[in-house]
Amino acid sequence: MHPPPMDPEKLKAVIDGYSQVGKAFLAGTVLVFGGATAVLLYTANKLQLHSVDDVKAKGKDAVQPHADMIKEQIAPLRKWAEDTSRKWHYEGNKESKEKPLLDRELSRALSAKTRPN
């Protein structure tokens, strides 16, 4: 089955319509990306940012006070988590640094094996 033949004038009208849509899309893309580039350059100029190191330094100066404030607010939660974690972990008997009696006896019994003749 072949599609019905199209009238050449209708085909030309369709091509002109798609051409107009393509031109509008291109113009919109240029405006959006061009505008964003202009805004970035203007902002960098006003903030006196000339290199990546300037961006890092000014960003750190702007963010550090907020980070310190959040750190202070979270301190009680952190302490609670550390205390809870210590309760959950078994650390054994820290006071006696010697092996317990059972461990010493087992080590002695297992290491004192005699060789068969």
PDB file of N, CA and C in Angstrom:
ATOM      1  N   MET A   1       0.835  -1.182   0.000  1.00  0.00           N
ATOM      2  CA  MET A   1       0.000   0.000   0.000  1.00  0.00           C
ATOM      3  C   MET A   1       0.878   1.243   0.000  1.00  0.00           C
ATOM      4  N   HIS A   2       0.584   2.095  -0.880  1.00  0.00           N
ATOM      5  CA  HIS A   2       1.299   3.357  -0.987  1.00  0.00           C
ATOM      6  C   HIS A   2       0.415   4.473  -0.461  1.00  0.00           C
ATOM      7  N   PRO A   3       1.051   5.457   0.184  1.00  0.00           N
ATOM      8  CA  PRO A   3       0.237   6.585   0.640  1.00  0.00           C
ATOM      9  C   PRO A   3      -0.301   7.358  -0.573  1.00  0.00           C
ATOM     10  N   PRO A   4      -1.414   7.999  -0.387  1.00  0.00           N
ATOM     11  CA  PRO A   4      -1.952   8.761  -1.520  1.00  0.00           C
ATOM     12  C   PRO A   4      -1.014   9.903  -1.884  1.00  0.00           C
ATOM     13  N   PRO A   5      -0.934  10.246  -3.132  1.00  0.00           N
ATOM     14  CA  PRO A   5      -0.039  11.340  -3.536  1.00  0.00           C
ATOM     15  C   PRO A   5      -0.491  12.662  -2.928  1.00  0.00           C
ATOM     16  N   MET A   6       0.529  13.491  -2.509  1.00  0.00           N
ATOM     17  CA  MET A   6       0.218  14.784  -1.904  1.00  0.00           C
ATOM     18  C   MET A   6       0.276  15.878  -2.944  1.00  0.00           C
ATOM     19  N   ASP A   7      -0.524  16.842  -2.698  1.00  0.00           N
ATOM     20  CA  ASP A   7      -0.530  18.019  -3.562  1.00  0.00           C
ATOM     21  C   ASP A   7       0.778  18.779  -3.316  1.00  0.00           C
ATOM     22  N   PRO A   8       1.526  19.148  -4.334  1.00  0.00           N
ATOM     23  CA  PRO A   8       2.805  19.857  -4.142  1.00  0.00           C
ATOM     24  C   PRO A   8       2.676  21.154  -3.339  1.00  0.00           C
ATOM     25  N   GLU A   9       1.562  21.841  -3.465  1.00  0.00           N
ATOM     26  CA  GLU A   9       1.386  23.103  -2.721  1.00  0.00           C
ATOM     27  C   GLU A   9       1.223  22.816  -1.221  1.00  0.00           C
ATOM     28  N   LYS A  10       0.498  21.740  -0.885  1.00  0.00           N
ATOM     29  CA  LYS A  10       0.344  21.370   0.525  1.00  0.00           C
ATOM     30  C   LYS A  10       1.683  20.936   1.113  1.00  0.00           C
ATOM     31  N   LEU A  11       2.456  20.206   0.329  1.00  0.00           N
ATOM     32  CA  LEU A  11       3.775  19.767   0.790  1.00  0.00           C
ATOM     33  C   LEU A  11       4.672  20.968   1.056  1.00  0.00           C
ATOM     34  N   LYS A  12       4.610  21.963   0.182  1.00  0.00           N
ATOM     35  CA  LYS A  12       5.411  23.175   0.364  1.00  0.00           C
ATOM     36  C   LYS A  12       4.962  23.927   1.620  1.00  0.00           C
ATOM     37  N   ALA A  13       3.667  23.955   1.885  1.00  0.00           N
ATOM     38  CA  ALA A  13       3.135  24.623   3.072  1.00  0.00           C
ATOM     39  C   ALA A  13       3.599  23.913   4.342  1.00  0.00           C
ATOM     40  N   VAL A  14       3.616  22.572   4.335  1.00  0.00           N
ATOM     41  CA  VAL A  14       4.087  21.810   5.492  1.00  0.00           C
ATOM     42  C   VAL A  14       5.565  22.092   5.741  1.00  0.00           C
ATOM     43  N   ILE A  15       6.361  22.108   4.692  1.00  0.00           N
ATOM     44  CA  ILE A  15       7.794  22.378   4.839  1.00  0.00           C
ATOM     45  C   ILE A  15       8.017  23.789   5.382  1.00  0.00           C
ATOM     46  N   ASP A  16       7.254  24.766   4.881  1.00  0.00           N
ATOM     47  CA  ASP A  16       7.374  26.143   5.378  1.00  0.00           C
ATOM     48  C   ASP A  16       6.985  26.221   6.859  1.00  0.00           C
ATOM     49  N   GLY A  17       5.960  25.478   7.259  1.00  0.00           N
ATOM     50  CA  GLY A  17       5.538  25.476   8.662  1.00  0.00           C
ATOM     51  C   GLY A  17       6.613  24.908   9.578  1.00  0.00           C
ATOM     52  N   TYR A  18       7.178  23.764   9.173  1.00  0.00           N
ATOM     53  CA  TYR A  18       8.260  23.180   9.983  1.00  0.00           C
ATOM     54  C   TYR A  18       9.486  24.093   9.996  1.00  0.00           C
ATOM     55  N   SER A  19       9.732  24.782   8.918  1.00  0.00           N
ATOM     56  CA  SER A  19      10.860  25.716   8.855  1.00  0.00           C
ATOM     57  C   SER A  19      10.663  26.841   9.874  1.00  0.00           C
ATOM     58  N   GLN A  20       9.428  27.350   9.957  1.00  0.00           N
ATOM     59  CA  GLN A  20       9.139  28.421  10.924  1.00  0.00           C
ATOM     60  C   GLN A  20       9.316  27.919  12.365  1.00  0.00           C
ATOM     61  N   VAL A  21       8.872  26.695  12.631  1.00  0.00           N
ATOM     62  CA  VAL A  21       9.020  26.118  13.969  1.00  0.00           C
ATOM     63  C   VAL A  21      10.499  25.961  14.303  1.00  0.00           C
ATOM     64  N   GLY A  22      11.300  25.492  13.355  1.00  0.00           N
ATOM     65  CA  GLY A  22      12.747  25.335  13.569  1.00  0.00           C
ATOM     66  C   GLY A  22      13.424  26.658  13.860  1.00  0.00           C
ATOM     67  N   LYS A  23      13.039  27.704  13.099  1.00  0.00           N
ATOM     68  CA  LYS A  23      13.623  29.034  13.327  1.00  0.00           C
ATOM     69  C   LYS A  23      13.257  29.564  14.713  1.00  0.00           C
ATOM     70  N   ALA A  24      12.014  29.363  15.116  1.00  0.00           N
ATOM     71  CA  ALA A  24      11.579  29.826  16.442  1.00  0.00           C
ATOM     72  C   ALA A  24      12.323  29.072  17.546  1.00  0.00           C
ATOM     73  N   PHE A  25      12.500  27.774  17.363  1.00  0.00           N
ATOM     74  CA  PHE A  25      13.232  26.976  18.343  1.00  0.00           C
ATOM     75  C   PHE A  25      14.674  27.459  18.451  1.00  0.00           C
ATOM     76  N   LEU A  26      15.310  27.729  17.331  1.00  0.00           N
ATOM     77  CA  LEU A  26      16.689  28.215  17.327  1.00  0.00           C
ATOM     78  C   LEU A  26      16.791  29.574  18.018  1.00  0.00           C
ATOM     79  N   ALA A  27      15.861  30.475  17.716  1.00  0.00           N
ATOM     80  CA  ALA A  27      15.878  31.796  18.343  1.00  0.00           C
ATOM     81  C   ALA A  27      15.679  31.686  19.858  1.00  0.00           C
ATOM     82  N   GLY A  28      14.762  30.813  20.289  1.00  0.00           N
ATOM     83  CA  GLY A  28      14.531  30.631  21.726  1.00  0.00           C
ATOM     84  C   GLY A  28      15.751  30.060  22.426  1.00  0.00           C
ATOM     85  N   THR A  29      16.410  29.101  21.778  1.00  0.00           N
ATOM     86  CA  THR A  29      17.609  28.500  22.363  1.00  0.00           C
ATOM     87  C   THR A  29      18.705  29.542  22.523  1.00  0.00           C
ATOM     88  N   VAL A  30      18.902  30.350  21.499  1.00  0.00           N
ATOM     89  CA  VAL A  30      19.938  31.397  21.569  1.00  0.00           C
ATOM     90  C   VAL A  30      19.611  32.389  22.679  1.00  0.00           C
ATOM     91  N   LEU A  31      18.348  32.768  22.792  1.00  0.00           N
ATOM     92  CA  LEU A  31      17.973  33.715  23.846  1.00  0.00           C
ATOM     93  C   LEU A  31      18.194  33.132  25.240  1.00  0.00           C
ATOM     94  N   VAL A  32      17.805  31.893  25.454  1.00  0.00           N
ATOM     95  CA  VAL A  32      17.942  31.291  26.785  1.00  0.00           C
ATOM     96  C   VAL A  32      19.408  31.124  27.159  1.00  0.00           C
ATOM     97  N   PHE A  33      20.190  30.470  26.291  1.00  0.00           N
ATOM     98  CA  PHE A  33      21.584  30.225  26.636  1.00  0.00           C
ATOM     99  C   PHE A  33      22.416  31.509  26.601  1.00  0.00           C
ATOM    100  N   GLY A  34      22.108  32.405  25.689  1.00  0.00           N
ATOM    101  CA  GLY A  34      22.807  33.693  25.656  1.00  0.00           C
ATOM    102  C   GLY A  34      22.509  34.518  26.888  1.00  0.00           C
ATOM    103  N   GLY A  35      21.245  34.519  27.302  1.00  0.00           N
ATOM    104  CA  GLY A  35      20.864  35.260  28.506  1.00  0.00           C
ATOM    105  C   GLY A  35      21.512  34.683  29.752  1.00  0.00           C
ATOM    106  N   ALA A  36      21.546  33.356  29.840  1.00  0.00           N
ATOM    107  CA  ALA A  36      22.181  32.717  31.004  1.00  0.00           C
ATOM    108  C   ALA A  36      23.666  33.027  31.047  1.00  0.00           C
ATOM    109  N   THR A  37      24.315  33.010  29.888  1.00  0.00           N
ATOM    110  CA  THR A  37      25.744  33.342  29.838  1.00  0.00           C
ATOM    111  C   THR A  37      25.974  34.786  30.255  1.00  0.00           C
ATOM    112  N   ALA A  38      25.132  35.692  29.779  1.00  0.00           N
ATOM    113  CA  ALA A  38      25.270  37.107  30.135  1.00  0.00           C
ATOM    114  C   ALA A  38      25.086  37.308  31.637  1.00  0.00           C
ATOM    115  N   VAL A  39      24.114  36.629  32.230  1.00  0.00           N
ATOM    116  CA  VAL A  39      23.876  36.755  33.670  1.00  0.00           C
ATOM    117  C   VAL A  39      25.065  36.219  34.456  1.00  0.00           C
ATOM    118  N   LEU A  40      25.614  35.080  34.044  1.00  0.00           N
ATOM    119  CA  LEU A  40      26.778  34.522  34.735  1.00  0.00           C
ATOM    120  C   LEU A  40      27.982  35.458  34.643  1.00  0.00           C
ATOM    121  N   LEU A  41      28.231  35.993  33.475  1.00  0.00           N
ATOM    122  CA  LEU A  41      29.361  36.911  33.316  1.00  0.00           C
ATOM    123  C   LEU A  41      29.161  38.175  34.141  1.00  0.00           C
ATOM    124  N   TYR A  42      27.956  38.715  34.151  1.00  0.00           N
ATOM    125  CA  TYR A  42      27.663  39.917  34.935  1.00  0.00           C
ATOM    126  C   TYR A  42      27.858  39.652  36.421  1.00  0.00           C
ATOM    127  N   THR A  43      27.357  38.507  36.899  1.00  0.00           N
ATOM    128  CA  THR A  43      27.503  38.154  38.314  1.00  0.00           C
ATOM    129  C   THR A  43      28.969  37.961  38.687  1.00  0.00           C
ATOM    130  N   ALA A  44      29.714  37.281  37.843  1.00  0.00           N
ATOM    131  CA  ALA A  44      31.140  37.074  38.110  1.00  0.00           C
ATOM    132  C   ALA A  44      31.874  38.406  38.161  1.00  0.00           C
ATOM    133  N   ASN A  45      31.507  39.336  37.296  1.00  0.00           N
ATOM    134  CA  ASN A  45      32.145  40.652  37.281  1.00  0.00           C
ATOM    135  C   ASN A  45      31.814  41.430  38.562  1.00  0.00           C
ATOM    136  N   LYS A  46      30.546  41.404  38.984  1.00  0.00           N
ATOM    137  CA  LYS A  46      30.146  42.130  40.194  1.00  0.00           C
ATOM    138  C   LYS A  46      30.772  41.538  41.453  1.00  0.00           C
ATOM    139  N   LEU A  47      30.940  40.218  41.481  1.00  0.00           N
ATOM    140  CA  LEU A  47      31.541  39.574  42.645  1.00  0.00           C
ATOM    141  C   LEU A  47      33.061  39.537  42.571  1.00  0.00           C
ATOM    142  N   GLN A  48      33.610  40.082  41.507  1.00  0.00           N
ATOM    143  CA  GLN A  48      35.062  40.131  41.277  1.00  0.00           C
ATOM    144  C   GLN A  48      35.671  38.728  41.300  1.00  0.00           C
ATOM    145  N   LEU A  49      35.060  37.840  40.560  1.00  0.00           N
ATOM    146  CA  LEU A  49      35.559  36.479  40.429  1.00  0.00           C
ATOM    147  C   LEU A  49      36.348  36.380  39.141  1.00  0.00           C
ATOM    148  N   HIS A  50      37.653  36.121  39.268  1.00  0.00           N
ATOM    149  CA  HIS A  50      38.500  36.067  38.083  1.00  0.00           C
ATOM    150  C   HIS A  50      39.083  34.685  37.833  1.00  0.00           C
ATOM    151  N   SER A  51      39.020  33.818  38.829  1.00  0.00           N
ATOM    152  CA  SER A  51      39.560  32.470  38.653  1.00  0.00           C
ATOM    153  C   SER A  51      38.757  31.489  39.504  1.00  0.00           C
ATOM    154  N   VAL A  52      39.039  30.222  39.337  1.00  0.00           N
ATOM    155  CA  VAL A  52      38.351  29.185  40.102  1.00  0.00           C
ATOM    156  C   VAL A  52      38.682  29.318  41.589  1.00  0.00           C
ATOM    157  N   ASP A  53      39.908  29.731  41.900  1.00  0.00           N
ATOM    158  CA  ASP A  53      40.293  29.908  43.304  1.00  0.00           C
ATOM    159  C   ASP A  53      39.461  31.004  43.972  1.00  0.00           C
ATOM    160  N   ASP A  54      39.144  32.065  43.220  1.00  0.00           N
ATOM    161  CA  ASP A  54      38.283  33.115  43.765  1.00  0.00           C
ATOM    162  C   ASP A  54      36.904  32.569  44.094  1.00  0.00           C
ATOM    163  N   VAL A  55      36.380  31.728  43.218  1.00  0.00           N
ATOM    164  CA  VAL A  55      35.055  31.136  43.448  1.00  0.00           C
ATOM    165  C   VAL A  55      35.095  30.284  44.713  1.00  0.00           C
ATOM    166  N   LYS A  56      36.141  29.465  44.857  1.00  0.00           N
ATOM    167  CA  LYS A  56      36.258  28.609  46.047  1.00  0.00           C
ATOM    168  C   LYS A  56      36.349  29.442  47.317  1.00  0.00           C
ATOM    169  N   ALA A  57      37.193  30.473  47.300  1.00  0.00           N
ATOM    170  CA  ALA A  57      37.405  31.294  48.496  1.00  0.00           C
ATOM    171  C   ALA A  57      36.135  32.045  48.881  1.00  0.00           C
ATOM    172  N   LYS A  58      35.490  32.689  47.919  1.00  0.00           N
ATOM    173  CA  LYS A  58      34.278  33.465  48.238  1.00  0.00           C
ATOM    174  C   LYS A  58      33.126  32.535  48.618  1.00  0.00           C
ATOM    175  N   GLY A  59      33.058  31.370  47.981  1.00  0.00           N
ATOM    176  CA  GLY A  59      32.020  30.415  48.339  1.00  0.00           C
ATOM    177  C   GLY A  59      32.199  29.908  49.757  1.00  0.00           C
ATOM    178  N   LYS A  60      33.446  29.617  50.124  1.00  0.00           N
ATOM    179  CA  LYS A  60      33.721  29.145  51.483  1.00  0.00           C
ATOM    180  C   LYS A  60      33.392  30.236  52.502  1.00  0.00           C
ATOM    181  N   ASP A  61      33.760  31.479  52.200  1.00  0.00           N
ATOM    182  CA  ASP A  61      33.456  32.583  53.107  1.00  0.00           C
ATOM    183  C   ASP A  61      31.949  32.766  53.288  1.00  0.00           C
ATOM    184  N   ALA A  62      31.186  32.504  52.240  1.00  0.00           N
ATOM    185  CA  ALA A  62      29.735  32.676  52.321  1.00  0.00           C
ATOM    186  C   ALA A  62      29.064  31.509  53.046  1.00  0.00           C
ATOM    187  N   VAL A  63      29.587  30.294  52.884  1.00  0.00           N
ATOM    188  CA  VAL A  63      28.926  29.110  53.422  1.00  0.00           C
ATOM    189  C   VAL A  63      29.384  28.770  54.837  1.00  0.00           C
ATOM    190  N   GLN A  64      30.609  29.102  55.197  1.00  0.00           N
ATOM    191  CA  GLN A  64      31.189  28.685  56.482  1.00  0.00           C
ATOM    192  C   GLN A  64      30.361  29.104  57.692  1.00  0.00           C
ATOM    193  N   PRO A  65      29.866  30.351  57.790  1.00  0.00           N
ATOM    194  CA  PRO A  65      29.064  30.705  58.977  1.00  0.00           C
ATOM    195  C   PRO A  65      27.812  29.839  59.127  1.00  0.00           C
ATOM    196  N   HIS A  66      27.151  29.528  58.014  1.00  0.00           N
ATOM    197  CA  HIS A  66      25.956  28.688  58.068  1.00  0.00           C
ATOM    198  C   HIS A  66      26.316  27.261  58.476  1.00  0.00           C
ATOM    199  N   ALA A  67      27.438  26.767  57.972  1.00  0.00           N
ATOM    200  CA  ALA A  67      27.871  25.409  58.327  1.00  0.00           C
ATOM    201  C   ALA A  67      28.195  25.328  59.819  1.00  0.00           C
ATOM    202  N   ASP A  68      28.846  26.348  60.361  1.00  0.00           N
ATOM    203  CA  ASP A  68      29.159  26.359  61.795  1.00  0.00           C
ATOM    204  C   ASP A  68      27.883  26.384  62.633  1.00  0.00           C
ATOM    205  N   MET A  69      26.893  27.158  62.196  1.00  0.00           N
ATOM    206  CA  MET A  69      25.637  27.249  62.929  1.00  0.00           C
ATOM    207  C   MET A  69      24.929  25.888  62.934  1.00  0.00           C
ATOM    208  N   ILE A  70      24.910  25.219  61.791  1.00  0.00           N
ATOM    209  CA  ILE A  70      24.270  23.905  61.709  1.00  0.00           C
ATOM    210  C   ILE A  70      25.023  22.901  62.577  1.00  0.00           C
ATOM    211  N   LYS A  71      26.354  22.994  62.577  1.00  0.00           N
ATOM    212  CA  LYS A  71      27.174  22.084  63.395  1.00  0.00           C
ATOM    213  C   LYS A  71      26.841  22.248  64.877  1.00  0.00           C
ATOM    214  N   GLU A  72      26.660  23.494  65.323  1.00  0.00           N
ATOM    215  CA  GLU A  72      26.315  23.746  66.722  1.00  0.00           C
ATOM    216  C   GLU A  72      24.930  23.203  67.055  1.00  0.00           C
ATOM    217  N   GLN A  73      24.001  23.319  66.124  1.00  0.00           N
ATOM    218  CA  GLN A  73      22.639  22.845  66.377  1.00  0.00           C
ATOM    219  C   GLN A  73      22.579  21.322  66.432  1.00  0.00           C
ATOM    220  N   ILE A  74      23.447  20.659  65.679  1.00  0.00           N
ATOM    221  CA  ILE A  74      23.421  19.198  65.609  1.00  0.00           C
ATOM    222  C   ILE A  74      24.284  18.561  66.699  1.00  0.00           C
ATOM    223  N   ALA A  75      25.074  19.338  67.420  1.00  0.00           N
ATOM    224  CA  ALA A  75      25.984  18.794  68.434  1.00  0.00           C
ATOM    225  C   ALA A  75      25.280  17.882  69.445  1.00  0.00           C
ATOM    226  N   PRO A  76      24.118  18.249  70.007  1.00  0.00           N
ATOM    227  CA  PRO A  76      23.467  17.331  70.965  1.00  0.00           C
ATOM    228  C   PRO A  76      23.080  15.990  70.331  1.00  0.00           C
ATOM    229  N   LEU A  77      22.611  16.032  69.085  1.00  0.00           N
ATOM    230  CA  LEU A  77      22.253  14.795  68.392  1.00  0.00           C
ATOM    231  C   LEU A  77      23.487  13.929  68.169  1.00  0.00           C
ATOM    232  N   ARG A  78      24.602  14.552  67.827  1.00  0.00           N
ATOM    233  CA  ARG A  78      25.847  13.813  67.613  1.00  0.00           C
ATOM    234  C   ARG A  78      26.319  13.151  68.904  1.00  0.00           C
ATOM    235  N   LYS A  79      26.250  13.896  69.997  1.00  0.00           N
ATOM    236  CA  LYS A  79      26.680  13.332  71.285  1.00  0.00           C
ATOM    237  C   LYS A  79      25.795  12.157  71.664  1.00  0.00           C
ATOM    238  N   TRP A  80      24.480  12.296  71.471  1.00  0.00           N
ATOM    239  CA  TRP A  80      23.564  11.205  71.784  1.00  0.00           C
ATOM    240  C   TRP A  80      23.886   9.976  70.937  1.00  0.00           C
ATOM    241  N   ALA A  81      24.163  10.172  69.641  1.00  0.00           N
ATOM    242  CA  ALA A  81      24.474   9.045  68.754  1.00  0.00           C
ATOM    243  C   ALA A  81      25.764   8.358  69.185  1.00  0.00           C
ATOM    244  N   GLU A  82      26.769   9.137  69.572  1.00  0.00           N
ATOM    245  CA  GLU A  82      28.032   8.548  70.026  1.00  0.00           C
ATOM    246  C   GLU A  82      27.825   7.739  71.309  1.00  0.00           C
ATOM    247  N   ASP A  83      27.067   8.301  72.252  1.00  0.00           N
ATOM    248  CA  ASP A  83      26.804   7.592  73.513  1.00  0.00           C
ATOM    249  C   ASP A  83      26.028   6.301  73.265  1.00  0.00           C
ATOM    250  N   THR A  84      25.037   6.370  72.417  1.00  0.00           N
ATOM    251  CA  THR A  84      24.236   5.182  72.098  1.00  0.00           C
ATOM    252  C   THR A  84      25.092   4.136  71.407  1.00  0.00           C
ATOM    253  N   SER A  85      25.959   4.563  70.526  1.00  0.00           N
ATOM    254  CA  SER A  85      26.835   3.638  69.819  1.00  0.00           C
ATOM    255  C   SER A  85      27.783   2.937  70.790  1.00  0.00           C
ATOM    256  N   ARG A  86      28.285   3.668  71.766  1.00  0.00           N
ATOM    257  CA  ARG A  86      29.177   3.063  72.756  1.00  0.00           C
ATOM    258  C   ARG A  86      28.449   2.002  73.577  1.00  0.00           C
ATOM    259  N   LYS A  87      27.184   2.242  73.871  1.00  0.00           N
ATOM    260  CA  LYS A  87      26.410   1.272  74.644  1.00  0.00           C
ATOM    261  C   LYS A  87      26.196  -0.014  73.856  1.00  0.00           C
ATOM    262  N   TRP A  88      26.063   0.098  72.549  1.00  0.00           N
ATOM    263  CA  TRP A  88      25.762  -1.060  71.709  1.00  0.00           C
ATOM    264  C   TRP A  88      26.975  -1.918  71.408  1.00  0.00           C
ATOM    265  N   HIS A  89      28.169  -1.368  71.521  1.00  0.00           N
ATOM    266  CA  HIS A  89      29.385  -2.116  71.185  1.00  0.00           C
ATOM    267  C   HIS A  89      29.999  -2.721  72.441  1.00  0.00           C
ATOM    268  N   TYR A  90      30.309  -4.010  72.369  1.00  0.00           N
ATOM    269  CA  TYR A  90      30.963  -4.692  73.476  1.00  0.00           C
ATOM    270  C   TYR A  90      32.464  -4.498  73.340  1.00  0.00           C
ATOM    271  N   GLU A  91      33.070  -3.942  74.364  1.00  0.00           N
ATOM    272  CA  GLU A  91      34.504  -3.683  74.302  1.00  0.00           C
ATOM    273  C   GLU A  91      35.297  -4.595  75.226  1.00  0.00           C
ATOM    274  N   GLY A  92      34.670  -5.492  75.895  1.00  0.00           N
ATOM    275  CA  GLY A  92      35.382  -6.415  76.772  1.00  0.00           C
ATOM    276  C   GLY A  92      35.820  -5.747  78.055  1.00  0.00           C
ATOM    277  N   ASN A  93      36.656  -6.438  78.786  1.00  0.00           N
ATOM    278  CA  ASN A  93      37.155  -5.931  80.052  1.00  0.00           C
ATOM    279  C   ASN A  93      38.441  -5.152  79.795  1.00  0.00           C
ATOM    280  N   LYS A  94      38.370  -3.840  79.860  1.00  0.00           N
ATOM    281  CA  LYS A  94      39.535  -3.012  79.562  1.00  0.00           C
ATOM    282  C   LYS A  94      40.556  -3.010  80.697  1.00  0.00           C
ATOM    283  N   GLU A  95      40.107  -3.305  81.901  1.00  0.00           N
ATOM    284  CA  GLU A  95      40.995  -3.178  83.046  1.00  0.00           C
ATOM    285  C   GLU A  95      42.052  -4.269  83.102  1.00  0.00           C
ATOM    286  N   SER A  96      41.695  -5.489  82.766  1.00  0.00           N
ATOM    287  CA  SER A  96      42.686  -6.560  82.838  1.00  0.00           C
ATOM    288  C   SER A  96      43.323  -6.735  81.472  1.00  0.00           C
ATOM    289  N   LYS A  97      44.592  -6.512  81.402  1.00  0.00           N
ATOM    290  CA  LYS A  97      45.297  -6.630  80.135  1.00  0.00           C
ATOM    291  C   LYS A  97      45.853  -8.031  79.945  1.00  0.00           C
ATOM    292  N   GLU A  98      45.797  -8.839  80.986  1.00  0.00           N
ATOM    293  CA  GLU A  98      46.253 -10.220  80.873  1.00  0.00           C
ATOM    294  C   GLU A  98      45.149 -11.045  80.233  1.00  0.00           C
ATOM    295  N   LYS A  99      45.555 -12.191  79.669  1.00  0.00           N
ATOM    296  CA  LYS A  99      44.556 -13.098  79.118  1.00  0.00           C
ATOM    297  C   LYS A  99      43.782 -13.706  80.273  1.00  0.00           C
ATOM    298  N   PRO A 100      42.507 -13.890  80.100  1.00  0.00           N
ATOM    299  CA  PRO A 100      41.749 -14.577  81.151  1.00  0.00           C
ATOM    300  C   PRO A 100      42.294 -15.994  81.352  1.00  0.00           C
ATOM    301  N   LEU A 101      42.001 -16.547  82.487  1.00  0.00           N
ATOM    302  CA  LEU A 101      42.505 -17.865  82.866  1.00  0.00           C
ATOM    303  C   LEU A 101      42.122 -18.922  81.834  1.00  0.00           C
ATOM    304  N   LEU A 102      40.900 -18.905  81.365  1.00  0.00           N
ATOM    305  CA  LEU A 102      40.447 -19.890  80.396  1.00  0.00           C
ATOM    306  C   LEU A 102      41.249 -19.788  79.103  1.00  0.00           C
ATOM    307  N   ASP A 103      41.499 -18.559  78.620  1.00  0.00           N
ATOM    308  CA  ASP A 103      42.278 -18.379  77.394  1.00  0.00           C
ATOM    309  C   ASP A 103      43.704 -18.902  77.569  1.00  0.00           C
ATOM    310  N   ARG A 104      44.311 -18.636  78.721  1.00  0.00           N
ATOM    311  CA  ARG A 104      45.676 -19.109  78.952  1.00  0.00           C
ATOM    312  C   ARG A 104      45.737 -20.626  78.970  1.00  0.00           C
ATOM    313  N   GLU A 105      44.783 -21.251  79.640  1.00  0.00           N
ATOM    314  CA  GLU A 105      44.779 -22.709  79.732  1.00  0.00           C
ATOM    315  C   GLU A 105      44.539 -23.346  78.368  1.00  0.00           C
ATOM    316  N   LEU A 106      43.636 -22.773  77.575  1.00  0.00           N
ATOM    317  CA  LEU A 106      43.384 -23.311  76.238  1.00  0.00           C
ATOM    318  C   LEU A 106      44.616 -23.168  75.354  1.00  0.00           C
ATOM    319  N   SER A 107      45.263 -22.028  75.411  1.00  0.00           N
ATOM    320  CA  SER A 107      46.471 -21.831  74.616  1.00  0.00           C
ATOM    321  C   SER A 107      47.553 -22.823  75.005  1.00  0.00           C
ATOM    322  N   ARG A 108      47.707 -23.050  76.307  1.00  0.00           N
ATOM    323  CA  ARG A 108      48.730 -23.978  76.789  1.00  0.00           C
ATOM    324  C   ARG A 108      48.409 -25.411  76.344  1.00  0.00           C
ATOM    325  N   ALA A 109      47.131 -25.790  76.435  1.00  0.00           N
ATOM    326  CA  ALA A 109      46.745 -27.156  76.071  1.00  0.00           C
ATOM    327  C   ALA A 109      46.886 -27.389  74.567  1.00  0.00           C
ATOM    328  N   LEU A 110      46.536 -26.405  73.756  1.00  0.00           N
ATOM    329  CA  LEU A 110      46.598 -26.581  72.301  1.00  0.00           C
ATOM    330  C   LEU A 110      48.017 -26.472  71.759  1.00  0.00           C
ATOM    331  N   SER A 111      48.852 -25.687  72.385  1.00  0.00           N
ATOM    332  CA  SER A 111      50.210 -25.518  71.871  1.00  0.00           C
ATOM    333  C   SER A 111      51.151 -26.614  72.368  1.00  0.00           C
ATOM    334  N   ALA A 112      50.769 -27.375  73.375  1.00  0.00           N
ATOM    335  CA  ALA A 112      51.642 -28.394  73.956  1.00  0.00           C
ATOM    336  C   ALA A 112      51.400 -29.771  73.340  1.00  0.00           C
ATOM    337  N   LYS A 113      51.005 -29.816  72.092  1.00  0.00           N
ATOM    338  CA  LYS A 113      50.784 -31.124  71.434  1.00  0.00           C
ATOM    339  C   LYS A 113      52.126 -31.795  71.188  1.00  0.00           C
ATOM    340  N   THR A 114      52.136 -33.087  71.416  1.00  0.00           N
ATOM    341  CA  THR A 114      53.361 -33.861  71.161  1.00  0.00           C
ATOM    342  C   THR A 114      53.278 -34.500  69.810  1.00  0.00           C
ATOM    343  N   ARG A 115      54.434 -34.680  69.176  1.00  0.00           N
ATOM    344  CA  ARG A 115      54.474 -35.298  67.860  1.00  0.00           C
ATOM    345  C   ARG A 115      54.412 -36.815  67.995  1.00  0.00           C
ATOM    346  N   PRO A 116      53.696 -37.481  67.126  1.00  0.00           N
ATOM    347  CA  PRO A 116      53.681 -38.944  67.179  1.00  0.00           C
ATOM    348  C   PRO A 116      55.004 -39.486  66.676  1.00  0.00           C
ATOM    349  N   ASN A 117      55.464 -40.619  67.271  1.00  0.00           N
ATOM    350  CA  ASN A 117      56.748 -41.232  66.900  1.00  0.00           C
ATOM    351  C   ASN A 117      56.611 -42.077  65.711  1.00  0.00           C
TER     352      ASN A 117
END
